[in-house]
C-alpha atoms as a PDB file:
ATOM      1  CA  MET A   1      93.081 106.387 134.768  1.00  0.00           C
ATOM      2  CA  PRO A   2      92.202 103.497 132.390  1.00  0.00           C
ATOM      3  CA  LEU A   3      95.027 101.677 130.649  1.00  0.00           C
ATOM      4  CA  VAL A   4      93.122 101.452 127.369  1.00  0.00           C
ATOM      5  CA  PRO A   5      91.652 104.630 125.798  1.00  0.00           C
ATOM      6  CA  SER A   6      87.886 104.542 125.296  1.00  0.00           C
ATOM      7  CA  TYR A   7      88.214 104.942 121.512  1.00  0.00           C
ATOM      8  CA  ILE A   8      90.384 101.807 121.381  1.00  0.00           C
ATOM      9  CA  LYS A   9      87.957  99.828 123.541  1.00  0.00           C
ATOM     10  CA  LYS A  10      85.144 100.743 121.155  1.00  0.00           C
ATOM     11  CA  LEU A  11      87.213  99.901 118.104  1.00  0.00           C
ATOM     12  CA  LYS A  12      86.117  97.023 115.889  1.00  0.00           C
ATOM     13  CA  LYS A  13      89.156  95.254 114.501  1.00  0.00           C
ATOM     14  CA  TYR A  14      89.630  94.648 110.803  1.00  0.00           C
ATOM     15  CA  LYS A  15      88.082  91.350 109.766  1.00  0.00           C
ATOM     16  CA  PRO A  16      89.585  89.922 106.568  1.00  0.00           C
ATOM     17  CA  GLY A  17      87.825  87.629 104.145  1.00  0.00           C
ATOM     18  CA  LYS A  18      87.595  83.963 105.114  1.00  0.00           C
ATOM     19  CA  SER A  19      90.763  82.039 104.298  1.00  0.00           C
ATOM     20  CA  ILE A  20      90.863  78.605 102.677  1.00  0.00           C
ATOM     21  CA  GLN A  21      92.423  77.231 105.866  1.00  0.00           C
ATOM     22  CA  GLU A  22      89.562  78.587 107.975  1.00  0.00           C
ATOM     23  CA  ALA A  23      86.959  77.139 105.610  1.00  0.00           C
ATOM     24  CA  GLU A  24      88.632  73.727 105.609  1.00  0.00           C
ATOM     25  CA  LEU A  25      88.395  73.481 109.400  1.00  0.00           C
ATOM     26  CA  ASN A  26      84.624  73.155 109.203  1.00  0.00           C
ATOM     27  CA  ASN A  27      84.083  71.308 105.922  1.00  0.00           C
ATOM     28  CA  ASP A  28      85.887  68.051 105.222  1.00  0.00           C
ATOM     29  CA  GLY A  29      86.609  67.000 101.691  1.00  0.00           C
ATOM     30  CA  ILE A  30      85.609  70.216  99.889  1.00  0.00           C
ATOM     31  CA  LYS A  31      88.164  71.834  97.606  1.00  0.00           C
ATOM     32  CA  TYR A  32      87.854  75.587  98.011  1.00  0.00           C
ATOM     33  CA  ILE A  33      88.601  78.535  95.781  1.00  0.00           C
ATOM     34  CA  LYS A  34      89.083  81.917  97.421  1.00  0.00           C
ATOM     35  CA  LEU A  35      87.329  84.847  95.786  1.00  0.00           C
ATOM     36  CA  SER A  36      87.070  87.042  98.873  1.00  0.00           C
ATOM     37  CA  SER A  37      90.228  89.163  99.181  1.00  0.00           C
ATOM     38  CA  ASN A  38      90.904  90.728  95.748  1.00  0.00           C
ATOM     39  CA  GLU A  39      94.172  88.850  95.319  1.00  0.00           C
ATOM     40  CA  ASN A  40      95.923  88.173  92.030  1.00  0.00           C
ATOM     41  CA  PRO A  41      94.683  84.705  90.981  1.00  0.00           C
ATOM     42  CA  HIS A  42      97.578  84.325  88.557  1.00  0.00           C
ATOM     43  CA  GLY A  43     100.188  84.132  91.291  1.00  0.00           C
ATOM     44  CA  SER A  44     103.290  86.308  91.544  1.00  0.00           C
ATOM     45  CA  SER A  45     105.818  87.628  89.090  1.00  0.00           C
ATOM     46  CA  PRO A  46     108.389  84.909  88.286  1.00  0.00           C
ATOM     47  CA  LEU A  47     111.097  87.563  88.447  1.00  0.00           C
ATOM     48  CA  ALA A  48     109.946  88.541  91.949  1.00  0.00           C
ATOM     49  CA  ILE A  49     110.018  84.921  93.109  1.00  0.00           C
ATOM     50  CA  LYS A  50     113.589  84.495  91.879  1.00  0.00           C
ATOM     51  CA  ALA A  51     114.603  87.705  93.627  1.00  0.00           C
ATOM     52  CA  ILE A  52     113.086  86.462  96.895  1.00  0.00           C
ATOM     53  CA  GLU A  53     115.008  83.203  96.636  1.00  0.00           C
ATOM     54  CA  LYS A  54     118.283  85.100  96.345  1.00  0.00           C
ATOM     55  CA  THR A  55     117.665  86.805  99.710  1.00  0.00           C
ATOM     56  CA  TYR A  56     117.461  83.560 101.693  1.00  0.00           C
ATOM     57  CA  LYS A  57     121.183  83.342 102.401  1.00  0.00           C
ATOM     58  CA  ASN A  58     121.129  86.841 103.947  1.00  0.00           C
ATOM     59  CA  LEU A  59     118.073  86.569 106.177  1.00  0.00           C
ATOM     60  CA  ASN A  60     120.299  86.846 109.253  1.00  0.00           C
ATOM     61  CA  ARG A  61     120.854  90.482 108.237  1.00  0.00           C
ATOM     62  CA  TYR A  62     118.484  93.412 108.575  1.00  0.00           C
ATOM     63  CA  PRO A  63     117.093  94.883 105.349  1.00  0.00           C
ATOM     64  CA  ASP A  64     118.215  98.255 104.052  1.00  0.00           C
ATOM     65  CA  ALA A  65     116.479 100.646 106.439  1.00  0.00           C
ATOM     66  CA  SER A  66     116.280 103.377 103.793  1.00  0.00           C
ATOM     67  CA  GLY A  67     114.950 101.056 101.083  1.00  0.00           C
ATOM     68  CA  TYR A  68     117.327 102.867  98.726  1.00  0.00           C
ATOM     69  CA  GLN A  69     117.195 100.486  95.757  1.00  0.00           C
ATOM     70  CA  LEU A  70     113.423 100.085  95.714  1.00  0.00           C
ATOM     71  CA  ARG A  71     112.788 103.772  96.284  1.00  0.00           C
ATOM     72  CA  SER A  72     115.247 104.624  93.499  1.00  0.00           C
ATOM     73  CA  LYS A  73     113.471 102.207  91.167  1.00  0.00           C
ATOM     74  CA  LEU A  74     110.079 103.715  91.977  1.00  0.00           C
ATOM     75  CA  ALA A  75     111.459 107.247  91.547  1.00  0.00           C
ATOM     76  CA  GLU A  76     112.800 106.317  88.117  1.00  0.00           C
ATOM     77  CA  LYS A  77     109.511 104.689  87.079  1.00  0.00           C
ATOM     78  CA  PHE A  78     107.362 107.664  88.068  1.00  0.00           C
ATOM     79  CA  LYS A  79     109.888 110.357  87.085  1.00  0.00           C
ATOM     80  CA  VAL A  80     110.277 111.850  90.552  1.00  0.00           C
ATOM     81  CA  GLU A  81     113.189 112.138  92.987  1.00  0.00           C
ATOM     82  CA  ILE A  82     113.949 109.487  95.597  1.00  0.00           C
ATOM     83  CA  GLU A  83     113.070 112.126  98.207  1.00  0.00           C
ATOM     84  CA  ASN A  84     109.470 111.919  96.926  1.00  0.00           C
ATOM     85  CA  VAL A  85     109.138 108.196  97.703  1.00  0.00           C
ATOM     86  CA  THR A  86     108.449 106.198 100.861  1.00  0.00           C
ATOM     87  CA  ILE A  87     107.804 102.477 101.266  1.00  0.00           C
ATOM     88  CA  GLY A  88     106.001 100.486 103.940  1.00  0.00           C
ATOM     89  CA  SER A  89     104.225  97.306 104.909  1.00  0.00           C
ATOM     90  CA  GLY A  90     101.362  97.645 102.471  1.00  0.00           C
ATOM     91  CA  SER A  91      99.532 100.892 101.844  1.00  0.00           C
ATOM     92  CA  GLU A  92      97.824 100.450 105.229  1.00  0.00           C
ATOM     93  CA  GLY A  93     101.225 100.548 106.912  1.00  0.00           C
ATOM     94  CA  ILE A  94     101.904 103.917 105.308  1.00  0.00           C
ATOM     95  CA  MET A  95      98.405 105.134 106.245  1.00  0.00           C
ATOM     96  CA  SER A  96      99.175 104.331 109.867  1.00  0.00           C
ATOM     97  CA  THR A  97     102.410 106.297 109.638  1.00  0.00           C
ATOM     98  CA  ILE A  98     100.549 109.253 108.112  1.00  0.00           C
ATOM     99  CA  MET A  99      98.188 109.307 111.103  1.00  0.00           C
ATOM    100  CA  ARG A 100     101.055 109.230 113.589  1.00  0.00           C
ATOM    101  CA  THR A 101     103.073 111.826 111.707  1.00  0.00           C
ATOM    102  CA  PHE A 102     100.609 114.583 110.907  1.00  0.00           C
ATOM    103  CA  LEU A 103      97.636 114.485 113.283  1.00  0.00           C
ATOM    104  CA  LEU A 104      97.503 116.938 116.189  1.00  0.00           C
ATOM    105  CA  ASP A 105      95.073 116.786 119.132  1.00  0.00           C
ATOM    106  CA  ASP A 106      92.257 118.839 117.605  1.00  0.00           C
ATOM    107  CA  ASP A 107      92.667 117.698 114.021  1.00  0.00           C
ATOM    108  CA  GLU A 108      89.767 116.098 112.187  1.00  0.00           C
ATOM    109  CA  ILE A 109      89.532 113.478 109.439  1.00  0.00           C
ATOM    110  CA  ILE A 110      87.025 113.276 106.590  1.00  0.00           C
ATOM    111  CA  GLY A 111      86.230 109.876 105.114  1.00  0.00           C
ATOM    112  CA  THR A 112      83.408 108.112 103.319  1.00  0.00           C
ATOM    113  CA  GLU A 113      80.912 105.692 104.852  1.00  0.00           C
ATOM    114  CA  GLY A 114      81.079 102.239 103.353  1.00  0.00           C
ATOM    115  CA  SER A 115      84.519 102.676 101.806  1.00  0.00           C
ATOM    116  CA  PHE A 116      87.714 100.763 102.648  1.00  0.00           C
ATOM    117  CA  VAL A 117      87.274  99.319 106.130  1.00  0.00           C
ATOM    118  CA  GLY A 118      91.037  99.207 106.710  1.00  0.00           C
ATOM    119  CA  PHE A 119      91.182 103.002 106.674  1.00  0.00           C
ATOM    120  CA  ARG A 120      88.162 103.199 108.952  1.00  0.00           C
ATOM    121  CA  VAL A 121      89.946 101.083 111.573  1.00  0.00           C
ATOM    122  CA  LEU A 122      93.070 103.262 111.392  1.00  0.00           C
ATOM    123  CA  ALA A 123      91.057 106.488 111.538  1.00  0.00           C
ATOM    124  CA  ASN A 124      89.037 105.339 114.548  1.00  0.00           C
ATOM    125  CA  ALA A 125      92.226 104.144 116.260  1.00  0.00           C
ATOM    126  CA  SER A 126      93.678 107.658 115.983  1.00  0.00           C
ATOM    127  CA  GLY A 127      91.184 108.941 118.551  1.00  0.00           C
ATOM    128  CA  ARG A 128      90.488 112.027 116.433  1.00  0.00           C
ATOM    129  CA  LYS A 129      87.099 113.324 115.326  1.00  0.00           C
ATOM    130  CA  ILE A 130      86.032 111.747 112.041  1.00  0.00           C
ATOM    131  CA  ILE A 131      83.332 113.025 109.705  1.00  0.00           C
ATOM    132  CA  TRP A 132      81.945 110.118 107.691  1.00  0.00           C
ATOM    133  CA  VAL A 133      80.177 111.278 104.524  1.00  0.00           C
ATOM    134  CA  PRO A 134      77.644 108.875 102.955  1.00  0.00           C
ATOM    135  CA  MET A 135      78.107 107.742  99.373  1.00  0.00           C
ATOM    136  CA  ARG A 136      75.757 108.918  96.669  1.00  0.00           C
ATOM    137  CA  ASP A 137      74.794 106.347  94.057  1.00  0.00           C
ATOM    138  CA  ARG A 138      77.573 104.015  95.284  1.00  0.00           C
ATOM    139  CA  ARG A 139      80.167 106.712  94.605  1.00  0.00           C
ATOM    140  CA  TYR A 140      82.121 109.234  96.643  1.00  0.00           C
ATOM    141  CA  ASP A 141      80.107 112.407  97.231  1.00  0.00           C
ATOM    142  CA  LEU A 142      82.961 114.867  96.802  1.00  0.00           C
ATOM    143  CA  GLN A 143      80.649 117.878  96.849  1.00  0.00           C
ATOM    144  CA  GLU A 144      79.404 116.931 100.304  1.00  0.00           C
ATOM    145  CA  MET A 145      82.927 116.096 101.489  1.00  0.00           C
ATOM    146  CA  ALA A 146      84.066 119.569 100.441  1.00  0.00           C
ATOM    147  CA  LYS A 147      81.253 121.115 102.486  1.00  0.00           C
ATOM    148  CA  LYS A 148      82.468 119.258 105.592  1.00  0.00           C
ATOM    149  CA  ILE A 149      85.920 120.869 105.536  1.00  0.00           C
ATOM    150  CA  THR A 150      86.501 123.060 108.614  1.00  0.00           C
ATOM    151  CA  ASP A 151      89.431 124.875 110.203  1.00  0.00           C
ATOM    152  CA  TYR A 152      90.194 121.601 112.011  1.00  0.00           C
ATOM    153  CA  THR A 153      90.281 119.322 108.978  1.00  0.00           C
ATOM    154  CA  LYS A 154      93.737 117.756 108.514  1.00  0.00           C
ATOM    155  CA  ILE A 155      93.245 114.567 106.446  1.00  0.00           C
ATOM    156  CA  ILE A 156      90.796 113.619 103.683  1.00  0.00           C
ATOM    157  CA  TYR A 157      90.817 110.035 102.462  1.00  0.00           C
ATOM    158  CA  ILE A 158      89.793 109.016  98.938  1.00  0.00           C
ATOM    159  CA  ALA A 159      90.180 105.455  97.636  1.00  0.00           C
ATOM    160  CA  ASN A 160      90.271 105.663  93.862  1.00  0.00           C
ATOM    161  CA  PRO A 161      88.979 103.247  92.672  1.00  0.00           C
ATOM    162  CA  ASP A 162      86.990 102.501  95.774  1.00  0.00           C
ATOM    163  CA  ASN A 163      86.962  99.227  97.656  1.00  0.00           C
ATOM    164  CA  PRO A 164      84.356  97.711  97.853  1.00  0.00           C
ATOM    165  CA  MET A 165      82.293  99.566  95.247  1.00  0.00           C
ATOM    166  CA  GLY A 166      84.811  99.384  92.392  1.00  0.00           C
ATOM    167  CA  THR A 167      83.790 102.856  91.171  1.00  0.00           C
ATOM    168  CA  TYR A 168      86.202 105.748  90.689  1.00  0.00           C
ATOM    169  CA  VAL A 169      86.363 109.521  90.984  1.00  0.00           C
ATOM    170  CA  THR A 170      86.814 111.197  87.580  1.00  0.00           C
ATOM    171  CA  LYS A 171      89.214 113.986  86.626  1.00  0.00           C
ATOM    172  CA  SER A 172      86.464 116.585  86.498  1.00  0.00           C
ATOM    173  CA  ASP A 173      85.111 115.449  89.894  1.00  0.00           C
ATOM    174  CA  PHE A 174      88.540 115.652  91.501  1.00  0.00           C
ATOM    175  CA  ASP A 175      89.404 119.012  89.925  1.00  0.00           C
ATOM    176  CA  ALA A 176      86.188 120.565  91.205  1.00  0.00           C
ATOM    177  CA  PHE A 177      86.744 119.054  94.650  1.00  0.00           C
ATOM    178  CA  TYR A 178      90.377 120.130  94.927  1.00  0.00           C
ATOM    179  CA  ASN A 179      89.450 123.770  94.381  1.00  0.00           C
ATOM    180  CA  HIS A 180      87.744 123.661  97.804  1.00  0.00           C
ATOM    181  CA  VAL A 181      90.624 122.038  99.705  1.00  0.00           C
ATOM    182  CA  PRO A 182      92.976 124.353 101.663  1.00  0.00           C
ATOM    183  CA  ASP A 183      96.719 123.814 101.300  1.00  0.00           C
ATOM    184  CA  ARG A 184      96.972 122.793 104.971  1.00  0.00           C
ATOM    185  CA  VAL A 185      94.722 119.736 104.408  1.00  0.00           C
ATOM    186  CA  LEU A 186      96.345 116.457 103.354  1.00  0.00           C
ATOM    187  CA  ILE A 187      94.534 114.402 100.725  1.00  0.00           C
ATOM    188  CA  ILE A 188      95.321 110.682 100.797  1.00  0.00           C
ATOM    189  CA  LEU A 189      94.669 109.197  97.358  1.00  0.00           C
ATOM    190  CA  ASP A 190      94.638 105.437  97.877  1.00  0.00           C
ATOM    191  CA  GLU A 191      95.226 103.946  94.437  1.00  0.00           C
ATOM    192  CA  ALA A 192      95.601 100.283  95.367  1.00  0.00           C
ATOM    193  CA  TYR A 193      93.795  99.279  92.145  1.00  0.00           C
ATOM    194  CA  TYR A 194      95.548 101.833  89.930  1.00  0.00           C
ATOM    195  CA  GLU A 195      96.888  99.280  87.426  1.00  0.00           C
ATOM    196  CA  TYR A 196      93.360  98.091  86.616  1.00  0.00           C
ATOM    197  CA  VAL A 197      91.908 101.537  85.936  1.00  0.00           C
ATOM    198  CA  LYS A 198      94.787 103.654  84.617  1.00  0.00           C
ATOM    199  CA  HIS A 199      93.699 103.158  80.988  1.00  0.00           C
ATOM    200  CA  GLN A 200      90.387 104.978  81.579  1.00  0.00           C
ATOM    201  CA  SER A 201      90.674 108.357  79.850  1.00  0.00           C
ATOM    202  CA  ASP A 202      88.860 110.243  82.640  1.00  0.00           C
ATOM    203  CA  TYR A 203      90.778 108.639  85.513  1.00  0.00           C
ATOM    204  CA  PRO A 204      92.759 111.237  87.517  1.00  0.00           C
ATOM    205  CA  ASP A 205      96.130 109.514  87.811  1.00  0.00           C
ATOM    206  CA  SER A 206      97.503 111.281  90.883  1.00  0.00           C
ATOM    207  CA  MET A 207     101.005 111.361  89.392  1.00  0.00           C
ATOM    208  CA  LEU A 208      99.624 114.109  87.158  1.00  0.00           C
ATOM    209  CA  TYR A 209      98.400 115.940  90.290  1.00  0.00           C
ATOM    210  CA  ARG A 210     101.635 116.392  92.146  1.00  0.00           C
ATOM    211  CA  TYR A 211     100.179 118.944  94.515  1.00  0.00           C
ATOM    212  CA  ASP A 212     102.106 119.609  97.709  1.00  0.00           C
ATOM    213  CA  ASN A 213      99.247 118.346  99.896  1.00  0.00           C
ATOM    214  CA  VAL A 214      98.447 115.117  97.999  1.00  0.00           C
ATOM    215  CA  ILE A 215      99.871 111.788  99.163  1.00  0.00           C
ATOM    216  CA  THR A 216      99.577 108.936  96.667  1.00  0.00           C
ATOM    217  CA  LEU A 217      99.444 105.394  98.056  1.00  0.00           C
ATOM    218  CA  ARG A 218      99.894 102.306  95.891  1.00  0.00           C
ATOM    219  CA  THR A 219     100.596  98.665  96.536  1.00  0.00           C
ATOM    220  CA  PHE A 220     102.283  95.534  95.230  1.00  0.00           C
ATOM    221  CA  SER A 221      99.524  93.410  96.794  1.00  0.00           C
ATOM    222  CA  LYS A 222      97.018  93.462  93.921  1.00  0.00           C
ATOM    223  CA  ALA A 223      98.121  93.490  90.279  1.00  0.00           C
ATOM    224  CA  TYR A 224     101.723  92.611  91.161  1.00  0.00           C
ATOM    225  CA  GLY A 225     100.568  89.542  93.114  1.00  0.00           C
ATOM    226  CA  LEU A 226     102.685  90.131  96.233  1.00  0.00           C
ATOM    227  CA  GLY A 227      99.973  90.374  98.885  1.00  0.00           C
ATOM    228  CA  GLY A 228     101.748  87.891 101.148  1.00  0.00           C
ATOM    229  CA  LEU A 229     104.785  90.183 101.427  1.00  0.00           C
ATOM    230  CA  ARG A 230     102.881  93.326 102.497  1.00  0.00           C
ATOM    231  CA  LEU A 231     104.636  95.901 100.342  1.00  0.00           C
ATOM    232  CA  GLY A 232     103.327  99.352  99.492  1.00  0.00           C
ATOM    233  CA  TYR A 233     104.704 102.743  98.507  1.00  0.00           C
ATOM    234  CA  GLY A 234     103.811 106.398  98.815  1.00  0.00           C
ATOM    235  CA  LEU A 235     104.579 109.381  96.587  1.00  0.00           C
ATOM    236  CA  ALA A 236     104.402 112.969  97.807  1.00  0.00           C
ATOM    237  CA  HIS A 237     106.230 116.258  98.288  1.00  0.00           C
ATOM    238  CA  LYS A 238     109.696 115.697  99.752  1.00  0.00           C
ATOM    239  CA  ASP A 239     108.828 117.540 102.982  1.00  0.00           C
ATOM    240  CA  LEU A 240     105.940 115.138 103.642  1.00  0.00           C
ATOM    241  CA  ILE A 241     108.063 112.108 102.759  1.00  0.00           C
ATOM    242  CA  GLU A 242     110.958 113.288 104.946  1.00  0.00           C
ATOM    243  CA  ASN A 243     108.715 113.433 107.982  1.00  0.00           C
ATOM    244  CA  LEU A 244     106.985 110.148 107.174  1.00  0.00           C
ATOM    245  CA  ASN A 245     110.365 108.442 106.959  1.00  0.00           C
ATOM    246  CA  LYS A 246     111.259 109.782 110.415  1.00  0.00           C
ATOM    247  CA  VAL A 247     108.202 108.112 111.948  1.00  0.00           C
ATOM    248  CA  LYS A 248     107.917 104.848 109.972  1.00  0.00           C
ATOM    249  CA  ALA A 249     109.051 101.633 111.625  1.00  0.00           C
ATOM    250  CA  PRO A 250     112.778 100.972 111.061  1.00  0.00           C
ATOM    251  CA  PHE A 251     113.842  98.141 108.720  1.00  0.00           C
ATOM    252  CA  GLU A 252     110.443  98.067 107.062  1.00  0.00           C
ATOM    253  CA  PRO A 253     109.580  96.427 104.651  1.00  0.00           C
ATOM    254  CA  SER A 254     111.480  93.154 104.898  1.00  0.00           C
ATOM    255  CA  MET A 255     114.465  92.180 102.739  1.00  0.00           C
ATOM    256  CA  PRO A 256     112.462  89.657 100.629  1.00  0.00           C
ATOM    257  CA  ALA A 257     109.704  92.230 100.119  1.00  0.00           C
ATOM    258  CA  GLN A 258     112.084  94.928  98.912  1.00  0.00           C
ATOM    259  CA  ALA A 259     113.860  92.521  96.562  1.00  0.00           C
ATOM    260  CA  ALA A 260     110.551  91.279  95.155  1.00  0.00           C
ATOM    261  CA  GLY A 261     109.306  94.807  94.570  1.00  0.00           C
ATOM    262  CA  ILE A 262     112.419  95.771  92.625  1.00  0.00           C
ATOM    263  CA  ALA A 263     112.102  92.702  90.400  1.00  0.00           C
ATOM    264  CA  ALA A 264     108.326  93.009  89.959  1.00  0.00           C
ATOM    265  CA  LEU A 265     108.703  96.507  88.546  1.00  0.00           C
ATOM    266  CA  ASP A 266     110.763  95.005  85.713  1.00  0.00           C
ATOM    267  CA  ASP A 267     108.281  92.228  84.952  1.00  0.00           C
ATOM    268  CA  THR A 268     106.022  94.160  82.611  1.00  0.00           C
ATOM    269  CA  ASP A 269     104.915  90.957  80.866  1.00  0.00           C
ATOM    270  CA  PHE A 270     103.397  89.575  84.067  1.00  0.00           C
ATOM    271  CA  LEU A 271     101.689  92.865  84.922  1.00  0.00           C
ATOM    272  CA  GLU A 272     100.232  93.351  81.439  1.00  0.00           C
ATOM    273  CA  ARG A 273      98.964  89.761  81.336  1.00  0.00           C
ATOM    274  CA  THR A 274      97.348  90.170  84.746  1.00  0.00           C
ATOM    275  CA  VAL A 275      95.520  93.341  83.740  1.00  0.00           C
ATOM    276  CA  ARG A 276      94.492  91.997  80.327  1.00  0.00           C
ATOM    277  CA  GLU A 277      93.125  88.704  81.644  1.00  0.00           C
ATOM    278  CA  ASN A 278      91.337  90.493  84.469  1.00  0.00           C
ATOM    279  CA  GLN A 279      89.599  92.791  82.009  1.00  0.00           C
ATOM    280  CA  ILE A 280      88.466  89.884  79.822  1.00  0.00           C
ATOM    281  CA  ALA A 281      87.214  87.910  82.821  1.00  0.00           C
ATOM    282  CA  ARG A 282      85.462  90.951  84.288  1.00  0.00           C
ATOM    283  CA  GLU A 283      83.480  91.592  81.105  1.00  0.00           C
ATOM    284  CA  HIS A 284      82.563  87.909  80.943  1.00  0.00           C
ATOM    285  CA  LEU A 285      81.279  87.954  84.528  1.00  0.00           C
ATOM    286  CA  PHE A 286      79.309  91.132  83.829  1.00  0.00           C
ATOM    287  CA  ASN A 287      77.505  89.388  80.982  1.00  0.00           C
ATOM    288  CA  GLU A 288      76.913  86.187  82.956  1.00  0.00           C
ATOM    289  CA  PHE A 289      75.562  88.108  85.956  1.00  0.00           C
ATOM    290  CA  LYS A 290      73.161  89.944  83.651  1.00  0.00           C
ATOM    291  CA  SER A 291      71.902  86.633  82.233  1.00  0.00           C
ATOM    292  CA  LEU A 292      71.323  85.385  85.795  1.00  0.00           C
ATOM    293  CA  ASN A 293      69.557  88.631  86.773  1.00  0.00           C
ATOM    294  CA  ILE A 294      72.186  89.286  89.431  1.00  0.00           C
ATOM    295  CA  LYS A 295      72.442  92.985  90.215  1.00  0.00           C
ATOM    296  CA  PHE A 296      76.005  94.315  90.379  1.00  0.00           C
ATOM    297  CA  ILE A 297      78.014  97.516  90.390  1.00  0.00           C
ATOM    298  CA  VAL A 298      80.121  98.133  87.296  1.00  0.00           C
ATOM    299  CA  SER A 299      83.671  97.779  88.568  1.00  0.00           C
ATOM    300  CA  TYR A 300      87.040  99.001  87.325  1.00  0.00           C
ATOM    301  CA  THR A 301      89.055  96.739  89.606  1.00  0.00           C
ATOM    302  CA  ASN A 302      89.709  93.013  90.089  1.00  0.00           C
ATOM    303  CA  PHE A 303      86.445  92.417  91.946  1.00  0.00           C
ATOM    304  CA  ILE A 304      82.712  92.896  91.405  1.00  0.00           C
ATOM    305  CA  THR A 305      80.246  93.814  94.142  1.00  0.00           C
ATOM    306  CA  THR A 306      76.846  92.169  93.731  1.00  0.00           C
ATOM    307  CA  ILE A 307      73.603  93.432  95.252  1.00  0.00           C
ATOM    308  CA  TRP A 308      70.938  91.187  96.782  1.00  0.00           C
ATOM    309  CA  GLY A 309      67.454  91.788  98.124  1.00  0.00           C
ATOM    310  CA  ASN A 310      68.402  92.059 101.775  1.00  0.00           C
ATOM    311  CA  SER A 311      70.947  90.899 104.343  1.00  0.00           C
ATOM    312  CA  ASP A 312      69.323  87.487 104.750  1.00  0.00           C
ATOM    313  CA  ASP A 313      69.406  86.882 100.993  1.00  0.00           C
ATOM    314  CA  ALA A 314      73.099  87.756 100.941  1.00  0.00           C
ATOM    315  CA  ASP A 315      73.766  85.373 103.843  1.00  0.00           C
ATOM    316  CA  VAL A 316      72.046  82.550 101.981  1.00  0.00           C
ATOM    317  CA  ILE A 317      74.120  83.104  98.853  1.00  0.00           C
ATOM    318  CA  VAL A 318      77.397  83.321 100.796  1.00  0.00           C
ATOM    319  CA  ASN A 319      76.672  80.135 102.745  1.00  0.00           C
ATOM    320  CA  LYS A 320      75.483  78.159  99.739  1.00  0.00           C
ATOM    321  CA  LEU A 321      78.532  79.202  97.752  1.00  0.00           C
ATOM    322  CA  LEU A 322      80.727  78.148 100.669  1.00  0.00           C
ATOM    323  CA  ASN A 323      79.063  74.742 100.685  1.00  0.00           C
ATOM    324  CA  LYS A 324      79.991  74.464  97.016  1.00  0.00           C
ATOM    325  CA  GLY A 325      83.612  75.396  97.697  1.00  0.00           C
ATOM    326  CA  VAL A 326      83.523  79.090  96.737  1.00  0.00           C
ATOM    327  CA  ILE A 327      84.595  81.688  99.319  1.00  0.00           C
ATOM    328  CA  VAL A 328      83.235  85.212  98.741  1.00  0.00           C
ATOM    329  CA  ARG A 329      82.895  88.271 100.990  1.00  0.00           C
ATOM    330  CA  LYS A 330      79.660  89.618 102.423  1.00  0.00           C
ATOM    331  CA  LEU A 331      80.175  93.326 103.029  1.00  0.00           C
ATOM    332  CA  SER A 332      78.557  93.672 106.445  1.00  0.00           C
ATOM    333  CA  SER A 333      81.746  95.057 108.000  1.00  0.00           C
ATOM    334  CA  PHE A 334      81.839  97.762 105.325  1.00  0.00           C
ATOM    335  CA  GLY A 335      78.244  98.744 106.083  1.00  0.00           C
ATOM    336  CA  TRP A 336      76.645  97.138 103.002  1.00  0.00           C
ATOM    337  CA  GLN A 337      74.470  94.414 104.512  1.00  0.00           C
ATOM    338  CA  ASN A 338      72.930  93.205 101.255  1.00  0.00           C
ATOM    339  CA  CYS A 339      76.108  93.206  99.164  1.00  0.00           C
ATOM    340  CA  ILE A 340      78.617  90.480  98.322  1.00  0.00           C
ATOM    341  CA  ARG A 341      82.036  91.259  96.890  1.00  0.00           C
ATOM    342  CA  ILE A 342      83.393  88.647  94.502  1.00  0.00           C
ATOM    343  CA  SER A 343      87.035  88.703  93.430  1.00  0.00           C
ATOM    344  CA  ILE A 344      87.754  87.892  89.794  1.00  0.00           C
ATOM    345  CA  GLY A 345      89.564  84.557  89.601  1.00  0.00           C
ATOM    346  CA  THR A 346      91.219  82.457  86.947  1.00  0.00           C
ATOM    347  CA  SER A 347      89.119  81.164  84.047  1.00  0.00           C
ATOM    348  CA  GLU A 348      88.631  77.860  85.867  1.00  0.00           C
ATOM    349  CA  GLU A 349      87.694  79.563  89.138  1.00  0.00           C
ATOM    350  CA  ASN A 350      85.189  81.814  87.384  1.00  0.00           C
ATOM    351  CA  VAL A 351      83.548  78.774  85.751  1.00  0.00           C
ATOM    352  CA  THR A 352      83.255  77.143  89.179  1.00  0.00           C
ATOM    353  CA  LEU A 353      81.717  80.331  90.579  1.00  0.00           C
ATOM    354  CA  LEU A 354      79.190  80.669  87.765  1.00  0.00           C
ATOM    355  CA  ASN A 355      78.172  77.015  87.897  1.00  0.00           C
ATOM    356  CA  ALA A 356      77.624  77.329  91.632  1.00  0.00           C
ATOM    357  CA  LEU A 357      75.561  80.497  91.243  1.00  0.00           C
ATOM    358  CA  LYS A 358      73.442  78.941  88.487  1.00  0.00           C
ATOM    359  CA  SER A 359      72.656  75.883  90.622  1.00  0.00           C
ATOM    360  CA  ILE A 360      71.774  78.086  93.602  1.00  0.00           C
ATOM    361  CA  ILE A 361      69.597  80.545  91.703  1.00  0.00           C
ATOM    362  CA  HIS A 362      67.784  77.970  89.573  1.00  0.00           C
END
């Protein structure tokens, strides 16, 4: 009997965007900007940083295993009970716990080809049968996903907005889809970019869809600027949360992460500035890309996915940008060979990006 299951041997690990440190190993003297991982270019909440500093004297102690204060804060913010809230090491950490908690031997998963690669890794690692539904027009094909539901379907994953397309499922789309989903099927609504899209009138904020079989996942890694702490949270029916909390790793997330999350929720000024400046910069990049005849997908997040002629063209752009000190993400691992995802940076970083693109294209 093999030590490693065949589905793990076949698994392709998650490959993150190139880091500045990795780029600097191969190119001396170039000052890099990182526009490859959809991070908050404006840093972290000052209140969160102060809260982290206060935890230093207690790092010899384990964090609160129940995460009571942070869960209470989240429950108050979203007008639910603490029993409806779980926390974890990023939304991916909670996804992993969902797989371990609810999947039985014959259960199946429905996901979308070309969507968030982190979920794909976790789904494949579960060893269960997965039905991957292609996108239609760079969007989730919910009609086709509904048709794929069988008696064995247990989990359906929807990233809304999607990474890496930046598009979102509308209220009418989700309502029509949900009518086809049995109560025994769990829907994971991954809303990592919720803060950037919540103002859209037709966006189906899952907090208004508190169905018993819907699990909302959100994160502090994006708009809150706490990616380095790996902090996420989930909202669902108390029975689902109770069982998730039985299975989740003990003493997770860390003490600094929990303290930062509590403080970040109070720093509305930082969050509003982040979202406002992102929106302004996004519209500016849209206009500049149009003037450069760069094809792109209209995004409602903090990144824009650009479309090039073919995979070789995309490679050329990525490498030439790297030589000019700009790190972006080719989407080969997502299944989009001719696409490059570009995170929205600060004003200065966006100027550097545009100048580099203009020199390359012209």
